[in-house]
């Protein structure tokens, strides 16, 4: 179906107040570049979208590669917001009858419902343009929305160009617009850089339209936080906090139990099922899934991992790119490194590290072990202090521990090696050869006791 809306996203600026080499719109909030939130809105509205790039244009284009139908327009030199839209109009689909939505690329808190209301206002009133405004007791550097004696929008004046009387206006411009496409094209060509910045202001289009007798409407925003732009690192932190707060509250509303929501961070691609429990000071990020009945935390970080139904991740665990299956228990103080699987009802205890290891269903490694490049069968027991020596400085070799095997405490398994089904490894052994099924592997040094040795030892003075 053809789009009924065109959109321009302004993303060409340097963002010098960020004090960073990275383009402003590519700074991340809650796990994503802030520009991505705006592009998601355009996609949700079904708009044919053009992103205006300039500063580090190649990096911005690359960051937008997930939107294959996105268009780009290069603004060089950068002569203001009006100039940016002039450049973009040449790259938009040619149907001038379609409205044009103009958005900044640094407003990640904006909601689709606000944009729908803005578009509906313009269409219902037949206005040439509609803009979003809000009222504030601290208007600062925002452009002021000017109204005539009848209360109709008459123009926008930037703070640097405003008179003392205009600066007292408490209704400000949120820099979000929708225009009649044909009237925008006819008006924007008349912009002139007659202002303190010497730039072509998009805001001047509003005044020019009114001067021609066109109608302009303003949608007064009830929640001004939606219009928060990111210009400094401090503003980025504030926006990120709001994004995380929205996410946790949405999960709570969907039936997830979250302990101390103000301390929990849940990324935008994370999915948590109703009935799961997330405890305080826990971070869920990347493409993570937490199933119903699972409990995670406190003080845990889960990245790109699956936590199965009724699984438990106890205090202070790190789980990365791994799968914890239904009913399994991990922690406290465990590190599950990438490509690991903790099987159904298996247990990984305190101070245990898994790396590229599959711990089978019902198996357990309760304490103080390192298991790397290992495949462990079902109902095996890995004693405290067990280490798989998987790396010889050149290659990494596998260890296989079959179903029902019992590895005694403080054992060293030198890979490549296989411990057979139901085999036992005596505590304190160094195992360098395969142990057959049902056998006892014993690799200790011989103990020798020397009677009276301590009494003959020279005493300290």
Protein backbone atom coordinates (compact mmCIF):
# COMPACT_ATOMS: atom_id res chain seq x y z
CA UNK A 1 0.00 0.00 0.00
CA UNK A 2 1.33 3.44 -0.92
CA UNK A 3 2.32 5.77 1.88
CA UNK A 4 -0.03 8.62 2.80
CA UNK A 5 2.73 10.54 4.52
CA UNK A 6 6.26 11.69 3.84
CA UNK A 7 8.77 12.40 6.58
CA UNK A 8 12.02 14.33 6.92
CA UNK A 9 14.35 13.53 9.81
CA UNK A 10 17.01 16.16 10.53
CA UNK A 11 20.29 14.44 11.46
CA UNK A 12 23.03 16.55 9.88
CA UNK A 13 24.30 18.53 12.87
CA UNK A 14 27.61 18.13 14.68
CA UNK A 15 26.21 18.27 18.20
CA UNK A 16 29.25 20.19 19.46
CA UNK A 17 27.87 20.45 23.01
CA UNK A 18 28.13 16.67 23.36
CA UNK A 19 31.93 17.13 23.44
CA UNK A 20 32.32 13.90 21.50
CA UNK A 21 33.68 12.82 18.14
CA UNK A 22 30.58 10.71 17.59
CA UNK A 23 27.66 12.32 15.72
CA UNK A 24 25.02 13.46 18.20
CA UNK A 25 22.23 11.30 16.77
CA UNK A 26 24.35 8.15 17.13
CA UNK A 27 24.86 8.50 20.87
CA UNK A 28 23.05 5.64 22.57
CA UNK A 29 20.24 5.78 25.10
CA UNK A 30 18.94 2.55 26.66
CA UNK A 31 20.96 0.46 24.25
CA UNK A 32 20.15 2.17 20.93
CA UNK A 33 21.24 5.27 18.99
CA UNK A 34 18.76 8.05 19.68
CA UNK A 35 18.11 8.41 15.94
CA UNK A 36 16.71 4.87 15.83
CA UNK A 37 13.81 5.80 18.10
CA UNK A 38 12.73 8.51 15.66
CA UNK A 39 13.08 6.21 12.64
CA UNK A 40 10.91 3.64 14.42
CA UNK A 41 8.16 6.27 14.72
CA UNK A 42 8.34 7.05 11.01
CA UNK A 43 8.09 3.36 10.21
CA UNK A 44 5.16 2.93 12.61
CA UNK A 45 3.34 5.78 10.84
CA UNK A 46 4.08 4.22 7.44
CA UNK A 47 5.90 7.31 6.20
CA UNK A 48 8.24 7.45 3.23
CA UNK A 49 11.25 8.86 5.05
CA UNK A 50 14.37 10.81 4.14
CA UNK A 51 17.14 11.40 6.64
CA UNK A 52 19.15 14.58 6.17
CA UNK A 53 22.82 13.83 6.82
CA UNK A 54 25.89 16.05 6.95
CA UNK A 55 28.42 15.70 9.73
CA UNK A 56 29.96 12.20 9.48
CA UNK A 57 27.32 11.34 6.89
CA UNK A 58 28.79 7.89 6.15
CA UNK A 59 28.58 6.84 9.81
CA UNK A 60 24.96 7.98 10.08
CA UNK A 61 24.01 6.15 6.88
CA UNK A 62 25.68 2.97 8.12
CA UNK A 63 23.83 3.19 11.44
CA UNK A 64 20.54 3.31 9.51
CA UNK A 65 21.21 0.17 7.44
CA UNK A 66 18.41 -1.74 9.21
CA UNK A 67 15.86 0.41 7.38
CA UNK A 68 16.42 -0.67 3.73
CA UNK A 69 13.77 1.64 2.25
CA UNK A 70 15.14 4.76 3.92
CA UNK A 71 16.26 7.66 1.73
CA UNK A 72 19.05 10.12 2.42
CA UNK A 73 19.81 13.70 1.50
CA UNK A 74 23.19 15.33 2.13
CA UNK A 75 23.20 18.86 3.51
CA UNK A 76 26.55 20.40 2.68
CA UNK A 77 27.18 23.09 3.78
CA UNK A 78 24.78 23.11 6.73
CA UNK A 79 22.88 26.38 6.53
CA UNK A 80 20.08 25.78 9.01
CA UNK A 81 16.90 23.76 9.43
CA UNK A 82 15.09 25.44 6.55
CA UNK A 83 17.96 24.65 4.22
CA UNK A 84 17.95 21.03 5.45
CA UNK A 85 14.28 20.65 4.51
CA UNK A 86 14.92 22.27 1.13
CA UNK A 87 17.59 19.63 0.48
CA UNK A 88 15.30 16.84 1.69
CA UNK A 89 12.36 17.80 -0.51
CA UNK A 90 14.41 16.93 -3.56
CA UNK A 91 14.92 13.39 -2.26
CA UNK A 92 11.33 12.72 -1.12
CA UNK A 93 8.77 10.92 -3.30
CA UNK A 94 7.48 13.42 -5.82
CA UNK A 95 3.79 13.38 -4.83
CA UNK A 96 3.41 16.96 -3.59
CA UNK A 97 -0.15 16.29 -2.44
CA UNK A 98 1.13 14.17 0.44
CA UNK A 99 1.78 15.89 3.79
CA UNK A 100 5.36 16.21 5.02
CA UNK A 101 6.27 15.46 8.63
CA UNK A 102 9.47 17.15 9.84
CA UNK A 103 11.21 15.73 12.90
CA UNK A 104 14.49 16.24 14.67
CA UNK A 105 16.67 13.15 14.95
CA UNK A 106 17.42 13.72 18.63
CA UNK A 107 13.98 13.30 20.28
CA UNK A 108 13.87 9.64 21.39
CA UNK A 109 11.04 10.20 23.91
CA UNK A 110 8.52 11.21 21.25
CA UNK A 111 5.45 8.98 20.98
CA UNK A 112 3.65 7.90 17.83
CA UNK A 113 0.32 8.95 19.32
CA UNK A 114 1.47 12.57 19.45
CA UNK A 115 2.45 12.53 15.78
CA UNK A 116 -0.85 10.94 14.81
CA UNK A 117 -2.71 13.67 16.71
CA UNK A 118 -0.57 16.33 14.98
CA UNK A 119 -1.32 14.94 11.52
CA UNK A 120 -5.01 14.62 12.34
CA UNK A 121 -5.13 18.26 13.54
CA UNK A 122 -3.71 19.55 10.28
CA UNK A 123 -5.95 17.37 8.15
CA UNK A 124 -9.15 18.07 10.11
CA UNK A 125 -8.63 21.84 10.05
CA UNK A 126 -7.29 22.06 6.51
CA UNK A 127 -4.27 23.96 7.82
CA UNK A 128 -1.18 24.56 5.73
CA UNK A 129 0.89 23.49 8.73
CA UNK A 130 0.54 22.21 12.25
CA UNK A 131 3.24 22.30 14.89
CA UNK A 132 3.70 20.92 18.39
CA UNK A 133 4.07 23.37 21.26
CA UNK A 134 4.17 23.23 25.03
CA UNK A 135 4.12 25.66 27.91
CA UNK A 136 6.97 26.08 30.35
CA UNK A 137 7.98 28.49 33.09
CA UNK A 138 11.60 28.25 31.88
CA UNK A 139 11.46 28.73 28.10
CA UNK A 140 15.19 29.46 27.84
CA UNK A 141 16.55 28.97 24.31
CA UNK A 142 13.33 27.57 22.84
CA UNK A 143 11.66 29.46 20.01
CA UNK A 144 8.50 31.27 21.14
CA UNK A 145 5.14 30.55 19.53
CA UNK A 146 3.51 33.88 18.71
CA UNK A 147 -0.25 34.33 18.52
CA UNK A 148 -2.44 37.16 17.28
CA UNK A 149 -5.22 38.89 19.19
CA UNK A 150 -7.64 36.09 18.32
CA UNK A 151 -5.29 33.44 19.67
CA UNK A 152 -4.28 32.08 16.27
CA UNK A 153 -0.66 31.14 15.56
CA UNK A 154 1.03 34.03 13.79
CA UNK A 155 4.64 32.89 13.77
CA UNK A 156 7.64 31.54 15.65
CA UNK A 157 10.52 33.68 16.84
CA UNK A 158 13.84 32.16 17.85
CA UNK A 159 15.09 33.20 21.28
CA UNK A 160 18.21 34.86 19.85
CA UNK A 161 16.05 37.07 17.64
CA UNK A 162 13.23 37.75 20.13
CA UNK A 163 12.43 41.05 21.81
CA UNK A 164 12.22 41.31 25.58
CA UNK A 165 8.43 41.14 25.37
CA UNK A 166 8.53 38.05 23.12
CA UNK A 167 10.94 36.31 25.48
CA UNK A 168 8.26 36.45 28.16
CA UNK A 169 5.99 34.17 26.09
CA UNK A 170 5.65 30.80 27.85
CA UNK A 171 4.45 28.76 24.86
CA UNK A 172 7.43 27.34 22.99
CA UNK A 173 8.09 25.45 19.79
CA UNK A 174 8.89 21.72 20.09
CA UNK A 175 10.38 21.65 16.54
CA UNK A 176 7.90 19.02 15.35
CA UNK A 177 5.81 19.90 12.29
CA UNK A 178 3.54 18.54 9.62
CA UNK A 179 2.98 20.55 6.42
CA UNK A 180 0.73 20.45 3.42
CA UNK A 181 3.32 19.17 0.96
CA UNK A 182 2.44 21.48 -1.91
CA UNK A 183 2.27 24.59 0.27
CA UNK A 184 5.55 23.75 1.97
CA UNK A 185 7.31 23.47 -1.38
CA UNK A 186 5.83 26.78 -2.55
CA UNK A 187 6.78 28.63 0.64
CA UNK A 188 10.19 27.28 1.63
CA UNK A 189 11.87 28.68 -1.47
CA UNK A 190 11.21 32.19 -0.11
CA UNK A 191 13.29 31.72 3.06
CA UNK A 192 16.04 34.24 3.70
CA UNK A 193 18.84 34.12 6.32
CA UNK A 194 17.73 37.37 8.00
CA UNK A 195 18.50 36.43 11.59
CA UNK A 196 21.23 36.45 14.22
CA UNK A 197 22.61 33.10 13.04
CA UNK A 198 22.63 33.93 9.33
CA UNK A 199 20.79 30.67 8.67
CA UNK A 200 17.65 29.55 6.84
CA UNK A 201 15.18 28.84 9.65
CA UNK A 202 12.38 26.36 9.11
CA UNK A 203 10.44 28.29 11.74
CA UNK A 204 10.22 31.24 9.33
CA UNK A 205 8.03 29.10 7.04
CA UNK A 206 5.27 29.42 9.64
CA UNK A 207 5.31 33.21 9.50
CA UNK A 208 5.47 33.24 5.71
CA UNK A 209 2.44 30.96 5.47
CA UNK A 210 0.44 33.11 7.88
CA UNK A 211 1.42 36.22 5.91
CA UNK A 212 -0.09 34.61 2.80
CA UNK A 213 -3.34 34.02 4.68
CA UNK A 214 -2.76 30.35 5.35
CA UNK A 215 -3.96 28.68 8.52
CA UNK A 216 -1.43 27.27 11.00
CA UNK A 217 -2.44 25.18 14.01
CA UNK A 218 -0.55 24.23 17.18
CA UNK A 219 -0.99 21.01 19.15
CA UNK A 220 -0.34 21.87 22.78
CA UNK A 221 1.59 18.93 24.22
CA UNK A 222 0.40 17.66 27.60
CA UNK A 223 3.68 15.87 28.36
CA UNK A 224 6.60 18.13 27.38
CA UNK A 225 9.16 15.42 28.15
CA UNK A 226 8.27 13.92 24.77
CA UNK A 227 9.88 16.90 23.06
CA UNK A 228 13.15 16.65 24.98
CA UNK A 229 16.05 17.01 22.56
CA UNK A 230 19.53 15.73 23.29
CA UNK A 231 22.22 18.38 23.05
CA UNK A 232 24.49 17.54 25.98
CA UNK A 233 25.72 14.45 27.79
CA UNK A 234 23.57 15.47 30.75
CA UNK A 235 20.44 15.60 28.60
CA UNK A 236 21.33 12.20 27.16
CA UNK A 237 21.49 10.74 30.67
CA UNK A 238 18.11 12.22 31.53
CA UNK A 239 16.51 10.86 28.36
CA UNK A 240 18.00 7.43 28.99
CA UNK A 241 16.56 7.37 32.49
CA UNK A 242 13.11 8.17 31.13
CA UNK A 243 13.35 5.47 28.45
CA UNK A 244 14.27 2.86 31.05
CA UNK A 245 11.48 4.04 33.36
CA UNK A 246 8.93 3.72 30.55
CA UNK A 247 10.18 0.23 29.76
CA UNK A 248 9.99 -1.10 33.31
CA UNK A 249 6.56 0.40 33.89
CA UNK A 250 5.28 -1.18 30.67
CA UNK A 251 6.54 -4.57 31.86
CA UNK A 252 4.95 -4.13 35.27
CA UNK A 253 1.69 -3.33 33.52
CA UNK A 254 2.05 -6.54 31.52
CA UNK A 255 2.38 -8.70 34.63
CA UNK A 256 6.12 -8.78 35.28
CA UNK A 257 7.17 -8.43 38.91
CA UNK A 258 9.97 -5.87 39.17
CA UNK A 259 11.59 -5.18 42.51
CA UNK A 260 12.76 -1.57 42.78
CA UNK A 261 11.97 -0.53 39.19
CA UNK A 262 14.15 2.56 39.55
CA UNK A 263 17.22 0.29 39.75
CA UNK A 264 16.35 -2.11 36.92
CA UNK A 265 17.45 -1.48 33.31
CA UNK A 266 15.66 -3.36 30.51
CA UNK A 267 16.79 -2.82 26.92
CA UNK A 268 14.38 -2.22 24.02
CA UNK A 269 14.89 -5.65 22.40
CA UNK A 270 14.43 -7.61 25.66
CA UNK A 271 11.29 -9.69 26.09
CA UNK A 272 10.09 -10.64 29.57
CA UNK A 273 7.06 -12.90 29.99
CA UNK A 274 4.22 -12.23 32.39
CA UNK A 275 4.91 -13.95 35.68
CA UNK A 276 8.67 -13.49 35.59
CA UNK A 277 10.42 -11.70 38.45
CA UNK A 278 13.24 -9.20 38.02
CA UNK A 279 14.98 -8.23 41.24
CA UNK A 280 16.75 -4.99 42.15
CA UNK A 281 19.86 -3.65 40.38
CA UNK A 282 19.53 -6.02 37.43
CA UNK A 283 20.37 -5.22 33.79
CA UNK A 284 18.73 -7.04 30.88
CA UNK A 285 20.15 -6.05 27.51
CA UNK A 286 20.58 -7.11 23.90
CA UNK A 287 18.25 -9.78 22.52
CA UNK A 288 17.38 -11.39 25.86
CA UNK A 289 14.32 -13.49 26.67
CA UNK A 290 13.07 -14.22 30.19
CA UNK A 291 10.26 -16.76 30.38
CA UNK A 292 7.35 -17.04 32.81
CA UNK A 293 8.20 -18.01 36.36
CA UNK A 294 11.90 -17.17 36.00
CA UNK A 295 13.61 -15.05 38.63
CA UNK A 296 16.67 -12.91 37.88
CA UNK A 297 18.73 -10.97 40.39
CA UNK A 298 19.50 -9.02 42.38
CA UNK A 299 22.66 -7.43 40.94
CA UNK A 300 22.71 -9.49 37.72
CA UNK A 301 23.50 -8.64 34.12
CA UNK A 302 21.98 -10.74 31.34
CA UNK A 303 23.02 -10.04 27.74
CA UNK A 304 21.72 -11.70 24.55
CA UNK A 305 20.59 -14.76 26.48
CA UNK A 306 17.55 -16.96 27.11
CA UNK A 307 16.34 -17.59 30.64
CA UNK A 308 13.89 -20.49 30.64
CA UNK A 309 10.63 -20.93 32.49
CA UNK A 310 11.05 -21.17 36.26
CA UNK A 311 14.83 -20.80 36.02
CA UNK A 312 16.61 -18.87 38.77
CA UNK A 313 19.56 -16.54 38.34
CA UNK A 314 20.78 -15.69 41.83
CA UNK A 315 22.73 -12.70 43.13
CA UNK A 316 25.59 -11.09 41.20
CA UNK A 317 25.71 -13.24 38.05
CA UNK A 318 26.83 -12.35 34.52
CA UNK A 319 25.25 -14.32 31.67
CA UNK A 320 26.25 -13.55 28.08
CA UNK A 321 25.03 -15.08 24.81
CA UNK A 322 23.93 -18.28 26.53
CA UNK A 323 20.83 -20.32 27.31
CA UNK A 324 19.61 -21.20 30.78
CA UNK A 325 16.92 -23.83 30.38
CA UNK A 326 13.72 -24.40 32.33
CA UNK A 327 14.10 -24.94 36.06
CA UNK A 328 17.87 -24.42 36.08
CA UNK A 329 19.63 -22.51 38.82
CA UNK A 330 22.68 -20.27 38.38
CA UNK A 331 24.69 -18.48 41.05
CA UNK A 332 25.26 -16.65 43.21
CA UNK A 333 28.44 -15.11 41.76
CA UNK A 334 28.53 -17.20 38.57
CA UNK A 335 29.89 -16.21 35.15
CA UNK A 336 28.24 -17.84 32.14
CA UNK A 337 30.29 -16.89 29.09
CA UNK A 338 29.10 -17.02 25.46
CA UNK A 339 27.85 -20.20 23.76
CA UNK A 340 27.06 -21.98 27.00
CA UNK A 341 23.93 -23.95 27.88
CA UNK A 342 22.76 -24.80 31.38
CA UNK A 343 20.32 -27.65 30.88
CA UNK A 344 16.91 -28.22 32.34
CA UNK A 345 16.99 -28.39 36.16
CA UNK A 346 20.80 -28.19 36.14
CA UNK A 347 22.70 -26.21 38.73
CA UNK A 348 25.65 -23.84 38.46
CA UNK A 349 26.68 -22.66 41.89
CA UNK A 350 28.78 -19.93 43.43
CA UNK A 351 32.02 -18.84 41.79
CA UNK A 352 31.60 -21.17 38.81
CA UNK A 353 32.57 -20.07 35.29
CA UNK A 354 31.31 -21.72 32.11
CA UNK A 355 32.79 -20.95 28.71
CA UNK A 356 31.34 -22.57 25.57
CA UNK A 357 30.10 -25.41 27.75
CA UNK A 358 26.92 -27.48 27.74
CA UNK A 359 25.90 -28.66 31.21
CA UNK A 360 23.31 -31.37 30.73
CA UNK A 361 19.88 -31.69 32.32
CA UNK A 362 20.00 -32.37 36.04
CA UNK A 363 23.78 -31.99 36.23
CA UNK A 364 25.44 -29.75 38.77
CA UNK A 365 28.62 -27.79 39.26
CA UNK A 366 27.96 -26.32 42.70
CA UNK A 367 31.20 -24.55 43.65
CA UNK A 368 34.41 -22.89 42.53
CA UNK A 369 34.95 -24.46 39.10
CA UNK A 370 36.02 -23.49 35.58
CA UNK A 371 34.47 -25.51 32.75
CA UNK A 372 35.57 -24.47 29.27
CA UNK A 373 34.90 -26.11 25.88
CA UNK A 374 33.15 -28.93 27.72
CA UNK A 375 30.17 -31.12 26.96
CA UNK A 376 28.68 -32.54 30.15
CA UNK A 377 25.91 -35.11 30.04
CA UNK A 378 22.87 -35.52 32.25
CA UNK A 379 22.95 -35.96 36.03
CA UNK A 380 26.70 -35.52 36.28
CA UNK A 381 28.34 -34.05 39.38
CA UNK A 382 31.28 -31.68 39.12
CA UNK A 383 33.04 -31.30 42.44
CA UNK A 384 34.36 -28.07 43.94
CA UNK A 385 37.55 -26.75 42.43
CA UNK A 386 37.32 -28.73 39.17
CA UNK A 387 39.11 -27.21 36.17
CA UNK A 388 39.07 -28.20 32.52
CA UNK A 389 42.47 -27.35 31.06
CA UNK A 390 41.17 -26.56 27.58
CA UNK A 391 43.96 -24.32 26.22
CA UNK A 392 47.59 -25.27 25.71
CA UNK A 393 48.69 -21.88 24.44
CA UNK A 394 48.05 -22.78 20.81
CA UNK A 395 44.74 -24.64 20.46
CA UNK A 396 41.62 -25.13 22.55
CA UNK A 397 40.59 -28.75 23.06
CA UNK A 398 37.32 -30.27 24.25
CA UNK A 399 36.43 -32.18 27.38
CA UNK A 400 33.54 -34.65 27.41
CA UNK A 401 31.94 -35.80 30.67
CA UNK A 402 29.24 -38.36 30.03
CA UNK A 403 25.93 -39.00 31.79
CA UNK A 404 26.08 -39.74 35.49
CA UNK A 405 29.83 -39.18 35.86
CA UNK A 406 31.15 -37.98 39.23
CA UNK A 407 34.17 -35.68 39.26
CA UNK A 408 35.74 -35.33 42.69
CA UNK A 409 36.78 -32.01 44.18
CA UNK A 410 39.96 -30.24 43.11
CA UNK A 411 40.33 -32.30 39.93
CA UNK A 412 42.14 -31.13 36.81
CA UNK A 413 40.94 -32.51 33.48
CA UNK A 414 43.58 -31.95 30.80
CA UNK A 415 41.88 -31.75 27.40
CA UNK A 416 41.32 -33.43 25.08
CA UNK A 417 39.88 -36.01 27.44
CA UNK A 418 36.68 -38.02 27.94
CA UNK A 419 35.16 -39.17 31.22
CA UNK A 420 32.90 -42.14 30.50
CA UNK A 421 29.33 -42.74 31.54
CA UNK A 422 29.02 -43.33 35.30
CA UNK A 423 32.80 -43.01 35.83
CA UNK A 424 34.32 -41.55 39.00
CA UNK A 425 37.29 -39.21 39.31
CA UNK A 426 39.01 -39.33 42.68
CA UNK A 427 39.36 -35.97 44.43
CA UNK A 428 42.61 -34.16 43.75
CA UNK A 429 43.36 -36.02 40.52
CA UNK A 430 45.07 -34.76 37.39
CA UNK A 431 43.44 -36.64 34.51
CA UNK A 432 45.32 -36.73 31.21
CA UNK A 433 43.82 -39.89 29.68
CA UNK A 434 40.29 -41.00 28.93
CA UNK A 435 38.47 -42.73 31.79
CA UNK A 436 36.23 -45.62 30.66
CA UNK A 437 32.58 -45.90 31.69
CA UNK A 438 32.04 -47.04 35.29
CA UNK A 439 35.82 -46.82 36.00
CA UNK A 440 37.60 -44.88 38.74
CA UNK A 441 40.15 -42.40 37.47
CA UNK A 442 42.90 -41.66 39.97
CA UNK A 443 45.79 -39.34 39.22
CA UNK A 444 47.27 -38.23 42.54
CA UNK A 445 50.89 -37.88 43.61
CA UNK A 446 51.89 -40.48 46.26
CA UNK A 447 51.56 -39.21 49.83
CA UNK A 448 54.48 -39.77 52.21
CA UNK A 449 54.45 -39.09 55.97
CA UNK A 450 57.74 -38.50 57.83
CA UNK A 451 57.40 -39.25 61.57
CA UNK A 452 58.98 -36.71 63.94
CA UNK A 453 59.90 -34.29 61.17
CA UNK A 454 58.31 -31.28 62.86
CA UNK A 455 60.13 -31.81 66.15
CA UNK A 456 63.49 -31.97 64.38
CA UNK A 457 62.85 -28.81 62.36
CA UNK A 458 64.98 -25.84 63.46
CA UNK A 459 62.97 -23.46 65.62
CA UNK A 460 62.62 -19.76 64.92
CA UNK A 461 64.40 -17.43 67.36
